[in-house]
Amino acid sequence: MDKIEFKKLLKILDEIISAYEELKILFEEKKELLKNSKSGDLVEVDNKILAQNEAIVKLNDSRKNMSMEHFNKDCRMSDYIEILGKNNEDFKEQLMLRKVKICKISDELVLLNNQNMELLKHGMTITGKMLDTIVDAFAPQGSNYNEAGKTDTHDLDMWTVNEEI
């Protein structure tokens, strides 16, 4: 791969890194919305995340196409470093820097995604409990009356005698 093609590869890798950084910002924004119970704004952020994901897929397709064109395989960063860095220390160094950035941002994205999933689970649990409370408050109380026509509070269940005198 000549220097011109290598610069094209670096440009694609830099765009991928930038796209992942933007995705990280969106994940952080989503985390704040989840923490502050602003579910109305989640749809907008989720749509931005989906759009950013599509952009990342397109960038990765460009990288894959370039890789297939030059190496007849879809190379990972380690492959690029091994193949291109073998004869050119400058290529190797530039690729190593980008690999470190990609690994770092990838770890951060996984962590943020896991945190967001836990916040969503917690929110669903809270919502479920709130719905149970609402349903219980508005449920017909007819089934809670005993034979004497009084509300059965189950306070008497601890006693051996369950009949009212």
N, C-alpha and C. Protein backbone atom coordinates (compact mmCIF):
# COMPACT_ATOMS: atom_id res chain seq x y z
N MET A 1 0.87 -1.17 0.00
CA MET A 1 0.00 0.00 0.00
C MET A 1 0.91 1.23 0.00
N ASP A 2 0.65 2.12 -0.93
CA ASP A 2 1.47 3.33 -1.00
C ASP A 2 0.98 4.37 0.00
N LYS A 3 1.71 5.47 0.08
CA LYS A 3 1.40 6.50 1.08
C LYS A 3 0.03 7.15 0.85
N ILE A 4 -0.34 7.32 -0.40
CA ILE A 4 -1.63 7.94 -0.70
C ILE A 4 -2.78 7.04 -0.22
N GLU A 5 -2.69 5.76 -0.49
CA GLU A 5 -3.71 4.82 -0.04
C GLU A 5 -3.69 4.70 1.49
N PHE A 6 -2.51 4.74 2.07
CA PHE A 6 -2.39 4.67 3.52
C PHE A 6 -3.08 5.88 4.16
N LYS A 7 -2.91 7.05 3.57
CA LYS A 7 -3.57 8.26 4.10
C LYS A 7 -5.09 8.13 3.99
N LYS A 8 -5.57 7.49 2.92
CA LYS A 8 -7.01 7.25 2.80
C LYS A 8 -7.50 6.34 3.91
N LEU A 9 -6.72 5.30 4.20
CA LEU A 9 -7.06 4.38 5.28
C LEU A 9 -7.09 5.12 6.62
N LEU A 10 -6.07 5.94 6.86
CA LEU A 10 -6.03 6.71 8.12
C LEU A 10 -7.22 7.65 8.23
N LYS A 11 -7.61 8.25 7.11
CA LYS A 11 -8.76 9.16 7.10
C LYS A 11 -10.02 8.40 7.50
N ILE A 12 -10.21 7.21 6.94
CA ILE A 12 -11.38 6.40 7.28
C ILE A 12 -11.34 6.02 8.76
N LEU A 13 -10.17 5.59 9.23
CA LEU A 13 -10.04 5.22 10.65
C LEU A 13 -10.32 6.41 11.56
N ASP A 14 -9.83 7.58 11.19
CA ASP A 14 -10.09 8.78 11.99
C ASP A 14 -11.57 9.14 12.00
N GLU A 15 -12.25 8.94 10.87
CA GLU A 15 -13.69 9.20 10.82
C GLU A 15 -14.45 8.20 11.69
N ILE A 16 -13.98 6.97 11.70
CA ILE A 16 -14.61 5.95 12.56
C ILE A 16 -14.43 6.31 14.02
N ILE A 17 -13.23 6.72 14.39
CA ILE A 17 -12.96 7.13 15.78
C ILE A 17 -13.85 8.31 16.16
N SER A 18 -13.94 9.28 15.27
CA SER A 18 -14.78 10.46 15.53
C SER A 18 -16.25 10.06 15.68
N ALA A 19 -16.71 9.14 14.84
CA ALA A 19 -18.10 8.68 14.92
C ALA A 19 -18.36 7.96 16.24
N TYR A 20 -17.40 7.16 16.69
CA TYR A 20 -17.54 6.48 17.98
C TYR A 20 -17.54 7.49 19.14
N GLU A 21 -16.74 8.53 19.02
CA GLU A 21 -16.73 9.56 20.07
C GLU A 21 -18.08 10.27 20.14
N GLU A 22 -18.67 10.54 18.98
CA GLU A 22 -20.00 11.15 18.95
C GLU A 22 -21.04 10.20 19.55
N LEU A 23 -20.90 8.91 19.26
CA LEU A 23 -21.80 7.92 19.84
C LEU A 23 -21.66 7.90 21.36
N LYS A 24 -20.44 8.01 21.84
CA LYS A 24 -20.21 8.05 23.29
C LYS A 24 -20.93 9.24 23.92
N ILE A 25 -20.87 10.39 23.27
CA ILE A 25 -21.56 11.58 23.78
C ILE A 25 -23.07 11.32 23.86
N LEU A 26 -23.61 10.67 22.85
CA LEU A 26 -25.05 10.35 22.85
C LEU A 26 -25.39 9.36 23.96
N PHE A 27 -24.53 8.36 24.20
CA PHE A 27 -24.75 7.42 25.29
C PHE A 27 -24.71 8.13 26.64
N GLU A 28 -23.79 9.08 26.80
CA GLU A 28 -23.72 9.85 28.04
C GLU A 28 -24.98 10.70 28.23
N GLU A 29 -25.45 11.28 27.13
CA GLU A 29 -26.69 12.07 27.19
C GLU A 29 -27.87 11.18 27.58
N LYS A 30 -27.91 9.99 27.01
CA LYS A 30 -28.98 9.05 27.35
C LYS A 30 -28.90 8.66 28.82
N LYS A 31 -27.71 8.44 29.31
CA LYS A 31 -27.53 8.09 30.72
C LYS A 31 -28.09 9.18 31.63
N GLU A 32 -27.80 10.43 31.31
CA GLU A 32 -28.31 11.55 32.11
C GLU A 32 -29.83 11.62 32.05
N LEU A 33 -30.40 11.39 30.88
CA LEU A 33 -31.86 11.39 30.76
C LEU A 33 -32.48 10.29 31.61
N LEU A 34 -31.84 9.11 31.60
CA LEU A 34 -32.36 8.00 32.40
C LEU A 34 -32.23 8.29 33.89
N LYS A 35 -31.14 8.90 34.29
CA LYS A 35 -30.94 9.22 35.71
C LYS A 35 -31.93 10.28 36.18
N ASN A 36 -32.28 11.20 35.30
CA ASN A 36 -33.17 12.29 35.68
C ASN A 36 -34.63 12.02 35.32
N SER A 37 -34.93 10.79 34.94
CA SER A 37 -36.30 10.37 34.61
C SER A 37 -36.96 11.24 33.55
N LYS A 38 -36.21 11.58 32.52
CA LYS A 38 -36.75 12.36 31.41
C LYS A 38 -36.99 11.45 30.22
N SER A 39 -37.95 10.56 30.38
CA SER A 39 -38.21 9.55 29.35
C SER A 39 -38.73 10.15 28.05
N GLY A 40 -39.33 11.30 28.10
CA GLY A 40 -39.85 11.93 26.88
C GLY A 40 -38.76 12.27 25.88
N ASP A 41 -37.58 12.60 26.36
CA ASP A 41 -36.47 12.96 25.48
C ASP A 41 -35.69 11.75 24.99
N LEU A 42 -35.98 10.57 25.54
CA LEU A 42 -35.23 9.36 25.17
C LEU A 42 -35.43 8.99 23.70
N VAL A 43 -36.61 9.19 23.18
CA VAL A 43 -36.88 8.83 21.79
C VAL A 43 -35.96 9.60 20.85
N GLU A 44 -35.82 10.89 21.12
CA GLU A 44 -34.96 11.73 20.28
C GLU A 44 -33.50 11.26 20.35
N VAL A 45 -33.02 10.97 21.53
CA VAL A 45 -31.64 10.52 21.69
C VAL A 45 -31.45 9.14 21.06
N ASP A 46 -32.42 8.25 21.25
CA ASP A 46 -32.32 6.93 20.64
C ASP A 46 -32.29 7.01 19.12
N ASN A 47 -33.07 7.93 18.55
CA ASN A 47 -33.05 8.12 17.09
C ASN A 47 -31.68 8.62 16.63
N LYS A 48 -31.08 9.50 17.41
CA LYS A 48 -29.73 9.99 17.07
C LYS A 48 -28.71 8.86 17.17
N ILE A 49 -28.88 8.01 18.17
CA ILE A 49 -27.97 6.86 18.33
C ILE A 49 -28.09 5.93 17.13
N LEU A 50 -29.31 5.66 16.70
CA LEU A 50 -29.51 4.80 15.53
C LEU A 50 -28.90 5.40 14.27
N ALA A 51 -29.07 6.71 14.09
CA ALA A 51 -28.48 7.38 12.93
C ALA A 51 -26.96 7.32 12.98
N GLN A 52 -26.40 7.52 14.18
CA GLN A 52 -24.95 7.46 14.34
C GLN A 52 -24.44 6.05 14.07
N ASN A 53 -25.20 5.07 14.51
CA ASN A 53 -24.82 3.68 14.25
C ASN A 53 -24.79 3.39 12.74
N GLU A 54 -25.77 3.91 12.02
CA GLU A 54 -25.79 3.73 10.56
C GLU A 54 -24.56 4.37 9.92
N ALA A 55 -24.18 5.54 10.40
CA ALA A 55 -22.98 6.21 9.87
C ALA A 55 -21.74 5.37 10.14
N ILE A 56 -21.66 4.77 11.31
CA ILE A 56 -20.52 3.92 11.66
C ILE A 56 -20.48 2.68 10.76
N VAL A 57 -21.63 2.10 10.49
CA VAL A 57 -21.69 0.93 9.60
C VAL A 57 -21.18 1.30 8.21
N LYS A 58 -21.57 2.45 7.70
CA LYS A 58 -21.11 2.89 6.38
C LYS A 58 -19.60 3.12 6.37
N LEU A 59 -19.08 3.73 7.43
CA LEU A 59 -17.64 3.94 7.51
C LEU A 59 -16.89 2.60 7.58
N ASN A 60 -17.42 1.68 8.35
CA ASN A 60 -16.80 0.35 8.43
C ASN A 60 -16.86 -0.38 7.09
N ASP A 61 -17.95 -0.18 6.34
CA ASP A 61 -18.04 -0.77 5.00
C ASP A 61 -16.96 -0.21 4.09
N SER A 62 -16.71 1.09 4.20
CA SER A 62 -15.64 1.72 3.40
C SER A 62 -14.28 1.12 3.77
N ARG A 63 -14.06 0.95 5.05
CA ARG A 63 -12.80 0.36 5.51
C ARG A 63 -12.67 -1.08 5.02
N LYS A 64 -13.74 -1.84 5.13
CA LYS A 64 -13.72 -3.23 4.66
C LYS A 64 -13.44 -3.31 3.17
N ASN A 65 -14.10 -2.45 2.39
CA ASN A 65 -13.88 -2.44 0.94
C ASN A 65 -12.43 -2.14 0.61
N MET A 66 -11.86 -1.17 1.29
CA MET A 66 -10.46 -0.83 1.06
C MET A 66 -9.56 -2.01 1.45
N SER A 67 -9.88 -2.64 2.53
CA SER A 67 -9.12 -3.79 3.01
C SER A 67 -9.19 -4.95 2.01
N MET A 68 -10.39 -5.21 1.51
CA MET A 68 -10.56 -6.28 0.52
C MET A 68 -9.80 -5.97 -0.77
N GLU A 69 -9.83 -4.71 -1.16
CA GLU A 69 -9.14 -4.28 -2.38
C GLU A 69 -7.63 -4.48 -2.28
N HIS A 70 -7.06 -4.18 -1.11
CA HIS A 70 -5.60 -4.22 -0.96
C HIS A 70 -5.07 -5.54 -0.38
N PHE A 71 -5.88 -6.21 0.45
CA PHE A 71 -5.36 -7.38 1.17
C PHE A 71 -6.21 -8.64 0.97
N ASN A 72 -7.28 -8.53 0.21
CA ASN A 72 -8.18 -9.65 -0.05
C ASN A 72 -8.78 -10.25 1.22
N LYS A 73 -8.89 -9.46 2.27
CA LYS A 73 -9.56 -9.90 3.49
C LYS A 73 -9.96 -8.67 4.29
N ASP A 74 -10.90 -8.88 5.20
CA ASP A 74 -11.34 -7.81 6.11
C ASP A 74 -10.35 -7.77 7.26
N CYS A 75 -9.48 -6.79 7.24
CA CYS A 75 -8.41 -6.71 8.25
C CYS A 75 -8.90 -6.06 9.54
N ARG A 76 -8.38 -6.57 10.63
CA ARG A 76 -8.55 -5.92 11.93
C ARG A 76 -7.39 -4.96 12.10
N MET A 77 -7.44 -4.15 13.15
CA MET A 77 -6.34 -3.21 13.38
C MET A 77 -5.02 -3.95 13.55
N SER A 78 -5.04 -5.08 14.23
CA SER A 78 -3.82 -5.86 14.42
C SER A 78 -3.26 -6.33 13.08
N ASP A 79 -4.14 -6.68 12.15
CA ASP A 79 -3.70 -7.10 10.82
C ASP A 79 -3.04 -5.93 10.08
N TYR A 80 -3.67 -4.77 10.14
CA TYR A 80 -3.09 -3.59 9.49
C TYR A 80 -1.69 -3.31 10.05
N ILE A 81 -1.60 -3.37 11.37
CA ILE A 81 -0.31 -3.08 12.02
C ILE A 81 0.74 -4.09 11.58
N GLU A 82 0.34 -5.35 11.55
CA GLU A 82 1.29 -6.40 11.16
C GLU A 82 1.72 -6.26 9.70
N ILE A 83 0.74 -6.07 8.81
CA ILE A 83 1.03 -6.02 7.38
C ILE A 83 1.74 -4.73 6.98
N LEU A 84 1.16 -3.61 7.38
CA LEU A 84 1.68 -2.32 6.93
C LEU A 84 2.88 -1.85 7.76
N GLY A 85 2.92 -2.27 9.01
CA GLY A 85 4.02 -1.82 9.87
C GLY A 85 5.29 -2.64 9.71
N LYS A 86 5.16 -3.74 8.99
CA LYS A 86 6.31 -4.62 8.80
C LYS A 86 7.51 -3.90 8.17
N ASN A 87 7.24 -3.09 7.15
CA ASN A 87 8.31 -2.42 6.42
C ASN A 87 8.36 -0.91 6.67
N ASN A 88 7.40 -0.40 7.44
CA ASN A 88 7.35 1.05 7.62
C ASN A 88 6.99 1.36 9.07
N GLU A 89 7.96 1.81 9.83
CA GLU A 89 7.76 2.11 11.25
C GLU A 89 6.77 3.26 11.46
N ASP A 90 6.77 4.22 10.54
CA ASP A 90 5.84 5.36 10.64
C ASP A 90 4.40 4.88 10.50
N PHE A 91 4.14 3.98 9.54
CA PHE A 91 2.80 3.40 9.38
C PHE A 91 2.39 2.68 10.66
N LYS A 92 3.30 1.90 11.19
CA LYS A 92 3.02 1.12 12.39
C LYS A 92 2.64 2.03 13.56
N GLU A 93 3.41 3.08 13.74
CA GLU A 93 3.16 4.00 14.86
C GLU A 93 1.80 4.68 14.73
N GLN A 94 1.48 5.14 13.53
CA GLN A 94 0.20 5.82 13.32
C GLN A 94 -0.98 4.87 13.54
N LEU A 95 -0.81 3.64 13.09
CA LEU A 95 -1.87 2.65 13.29
C LEU A 95 -2.01 2.27 14.76
N MET A 96 -0.90 2.16 15.47
CA MET A 96 -0.95 1.83 16.90
C MET A 96 -1.71 2.91 17.69
N LEU A 97 -1.45 4.17 17.36
CA LEU A 97 -2.16 5.27 18.03
C LEU A 97 -3.67 5.15 17.83
N ARG A 98 -4.07 4.83 16.62
CA ARG A 98 -5.49 4.71 16.34
C ARG A 98 -6.10 3.46 17.00
N LYS A 99 -5.32 2.40 17.06
CA LYS A 99 -5.80 1.19 17.72
C LYS A 99 -6.07 1.47 19.20
N VAL A 100 -5.16 2.20 19.85
CA VAL A 100 -5.34 2.55 21.26
C VAL A 100 -6.61 3.37 21.45
N LYS A 101 -6.83 4.34 20.56
CA LYS A 101 -8.04 5.17 20.66
C LYS A 101 -9.30 4.34 20.48
N ILE A 102 -9.29 3.46 19.49
CA ILE A 102 -10.46 2.63 19.21
C ILE A 102 -10.75 1.70 20.39
N CYS A 103 -9.70 1.09 20.93
CA CYS A 103 -9.90 0.18 22.08
C CYS A 103 -10.45 0.95 23.29
N LYS A 104 -9.92 2.13 23.53
CA LYS A 104 -10.35 2.94 24.67
C LYS A 104 -11.82 3.34 24.52
N ILE A 105 -12.17 3.86 23.37
CA ILE A 105 -13.55 4.32 23.17
C ILE A 105 -14.51 3.12 23.16
N SER A 106 -14.05 2.00 22.65
CA SER A 106 -14.88 0.79 22.65
C SER A 106 -15.20 0.36 24.08
N ASP A 107 -14.19 0.34 24.94
CA ASP A 107 -14.41 -0.02 26.35
C ASP A 107 -15.38 0.96 27.02
N GLU A 108 -15.22 2.24 26.72
CA GLU A 108 -16.10 3.26 27.31
C GLU A 108 -17.54 3.08 26.83
N LEU A 109 -17.70 2.75 25.55
CA LEU A 109 -19.05 2.54 25.01
C LEU A 109 -19.72 1.32 25.64
N VAL A 110 -18.96 0.26 25.82
CA VAL A 110 -19.52 -0.94 26.46
C VAL A 110 -19.97 -0.62 27.88
N LEU A 111 -19.13 0.10 28.62
CA LEU A 111 -19.47 0.47 30.00
C LEU A 111 -20.73 1.35 30.03
N LEU A 112 -20.78 2.37 29.19
CA LEU A 112 -21.95 3.25 29.15
C LEU A 112 -23.20 2.48 28.75
N ASN A 113 -23.08 1.60 27.78
CA ASN A 113 -24.24 0.83 27.36
C ASN A 113 -24.74 -0.06 28.49
N ASN A 114 -23.82 -0.70 29.20
CA ASN A 114 -24.22 -1.54 30.34
C ASN A 114 -24.88 -0.71 31.44
N GLN A 115 -24.33 0.47 31.72
CA GLN A 115 -24.94 1.35 32.72
C GLN A 115 -26.34 1.78 32.29
N ASN A 116 -26.49 2.11 31.02
CA ASN A 116 -27.80 2.51 30.52
C ASN A 116 -28.80 1.36 30.61
N MET A 117 -28.35 0.17 30.32
CA MET A 117 -29.24 -1.00 30.43
C MET A 117 -29.69 -1.20 31.88
N GLU A 118 -28.78 -1.05 32.83
CA GLU A 118 -29.14 -1.19 34.24
C GLU A 118 -30.11 -0.09 34.66
N LEU A 119 -29.90 1.13 34.18
CA LEU A 119 -30.82 2.22 34.50
C LEU A 119 -32.20 1.95 33.91
N LEU A 120 -32.24 1.41 32.70
CA LEU A 120 -33.52 1.06 32.09
C LEU A 120 -34.24 -0.04 32.88
N LYS A 121 -33.50 -1.05 33.31
CA LYS A 121 -34.09 -2.12 34.12
C LYS A 121 -34.65 -1.55 35.42
N HIS A 122 -33.88 -0.69 36.05
CA HIS A 122 -34.33 -0.07 37.31
C HIS A 122 -35.60 0.75 37.06
N GLY A 123 -35.60 1.52 35.98
CA GLY A 123 -36.77 2.33 35.65
C GLY A 123 -38.00 1.47 35.39
N MET A 124 -37.79 0.33 34.74
CA MET A 124 -38.92 -0.57 34.48
C MET A 124 -39.44 -1.17 35.78
N THR A 125 -38.54 -1.49 36.71
CA THR A 125 -38.96 -2.02 38.01
C THR A 125 -39.78 -0.98 38.76
N ILE A 126 -39.30 0.24 38.80
CA ILE A 126 -40.01 1.33 39.49
C ILE A 126 -41.37 1.55 38.84
N THR A 127 -41.39 1.58 37.52
CA THR A 127 -42.65 1.79 36.80
C THR A 127 -43.64 0.66 37.11
N GLY A 128 -43.14 -0.57 37.14
CA GLY A 128 -43.99 -1.71 37.47
C GLY A 128 -44.59 -1.58 38.86
N LYS A 129 -43.78 -1.15 39.82
CA LYS A 129 -44.28 -0.98 41.19
C LYS A 129 -45.31 0.13 41.26
N MET A 130 -45.06 1.22 40.52
CA MET A 130 -46.02 2.32 40.51
C MET A 130 -47.34 1.86 39.90
N LEU A 131 -47.27 1.09 38.83
CA LEU A 131 -48.50 0.59 38.20
C LEU A 131 -49.25 -0.34 39.14
N ASP A 132 -48.53 -1.19 39.86
CA ASP A 132 -49.18 -2.08 40.83
C ASP A 132 -49.91 -1.27 41.89
N THR A 133 -49.29 -0.20 42.36
CA THR A 133 -49.90 0.66 43.37
C THR A 133 -51.17 1.31 42.83
N ILE A 134 -51.09 1.79 41.61
CA ILE A 134 -52.25 2.44 40.99
C ILE A 134 -53.38 1.43 40.79
N VAL A 135 -53.04 0.26 40.29
CA VAL A 135 -54.05 -0.78 40.07
C VAL A 135 -54.70 -1.17 41.40
N ASP A 136 -53.88 -1.35 42.42
CA ASP A 136 -54.42 -1.71 43.73
C ASP A 136 -55.33 -0.62 44.28
N ALA A 137 -54.98 0.64 44.04
CA ALA A 137 -55.78 1.76 44.56
C ALA A 137 -57.14 1.83 43.88
N PHE A 138 -57.21 1.47 42.61
CA PHE A 138 -58.46 1.58 41.88
C PHE A 138 -59.18 0.25 41.69
N ALA A 139 -58.63 -0.82 42.22
CA ALA A 139 -59.28 -2.13 42.10
C ALA A 139 -60.53 -2.16 42.95
N PRO A 140 -61.58 -2.85 42.49
CA PRO A 140 -62.80 -2.96 43.30
C PRO A 140 -62.49 -3.66 44.63
N GLN A 141 -63.03 -3.12 45.69
CA GLN A 141 -62.76 -3.64 47.02
C GLN A 141 -63.78 -4.69 47.45
N GLY A 142 -64.73 -5.04 46.60
CA GLY A 142 -65.78 -5.99 46.95
C GLY A 142 -65.24 -7.34 47.37
N SER A 143 -64.17 -7.77 46.81
CA SER A 143 -63.66 -9.09 47.13
C SER A 143 -62.94 -9.11 48.48
N ASN A 144 -62.79 -7.97 49.11
CA ASN A 144 -62.09 -7.90 50.39
C ASN A 144 -63.04 -7.94 51.59
N TYR A 145 -64.35 -8.10 51.36
CA TYR A 145 -65.31 -8.14 52.46
C TYR A 145 -65.46 -9.58 52.95
N ASN A 146 -65.62 -9.71 54.27
CA ASN A 146 -65.85 -11.05 54.85
C ASN A 146 -67.35 -11.34 54.93
N GLU A 147 -67.68 -12.48 55.56
CA GLU A 147 -69.09 -12.88 55.63
C GLU A 147 -69.94 -11.89 56.40
N ALA A 148 -69.36 -11.16 57.32
CA ALA A 148 -70.11 -10.21 58.15
C ALA A 148 -70.28 -8.86 57.44
N GLY A 149 -69.74 -8.75 56.18
CA GLY A 149 -69.89 -7.50 55.44
C GLY A 149 -68.86 -6.45 55.82
N LYS A 150 -67.85 -6.86 56.52
CA LYS A 150 -66.81 -5.91 56.92
C LYS A 150 -65.55 -6.14 56.08
N THR A 151 -64.74 -5.14 56.02
CA THR A 151 -63.51 -5.26 55.25
C THR A 151 -62.59 -6.26 55.91
N ASP A 152 -62.11 -7.19 55.12
CA ASP A 152 -61.20 -8.21 55.62
C ASP A 152 -59.78 -7.68 55.48
N THR A 153 -59.18 -7.32 56.60
CA THR A 153 -57.84 -6.74 56.57
C THR A 153 -56.77 -7.77 56.83
N HIS A 154 -57.15 -9.00 57.03
CA HIS A 154 -56.23 -10.10 57.28
C HIS A 154 -55.45 -9.92 58.58
N ASP A 155 -55.90 -8.99 59.42
CA ASP A 155 -55.26 -8.82 60.73
C ASP A 155 -55.55 -10.02 61.62
N LEU A 156 -56.68 -10.67 61.38
CA LEU A 156 -57.09 -11.77 62.23
C LEU A 156 -56.40 -13.08 61.87
N ASP A 157 -55.68 -13.11 60.76
CA ASP A 157 -55.04 -14.34 60.32
C ASP A 157 -54.02 -14.85 61.32
N MET A 158 -53.51 -13.97 62.19
CA MET A 158 -52.52 -14.40 63.17
C MET A 158 -53.19 -15.10 64.35
N TRP A 159 -54.49 -14.93 64.50
CA TRP A 159 -55.23 -15.51 65.62
C TRP A 159 -55.73 -16.89 65.25
N THR A 160 -55.99 -17.68 66.26
CA THR A 160 -56.55 -19.02 65.99
C THR A 160 -58.04 -18.96 65.78
N VAL A 161 -58.67 -17.89 66.27
CA VAL A 161 -60.11 -17.72 66.09
C VAL A 161 -60.30 -16.62 65.06
N ASN A 162 -60.95 -16.95 63.95
CA ASN A 162 -61.09 -15.97 62.88
C ASN A 162 -62.50 -15.40 62.78
N GLU A 163 -63.36 -15.73 63.69
CA GLU A 163 -64.71 -15.22 63.66
C GLU A 163 -64.82 -14.00 64.55
N GLU A 164 -65.62 -13.05 64.11
CA GLU A 164 -65.84 -11.86 64.93
C GLU A 164 -66.90 -12.15 65.97
N ILE A 165 -66.77 -11.59 67.13
CA ILE A 165 -67.73 -11.80 68.20
C ILE A 165 -68.69 -10.65 68.24
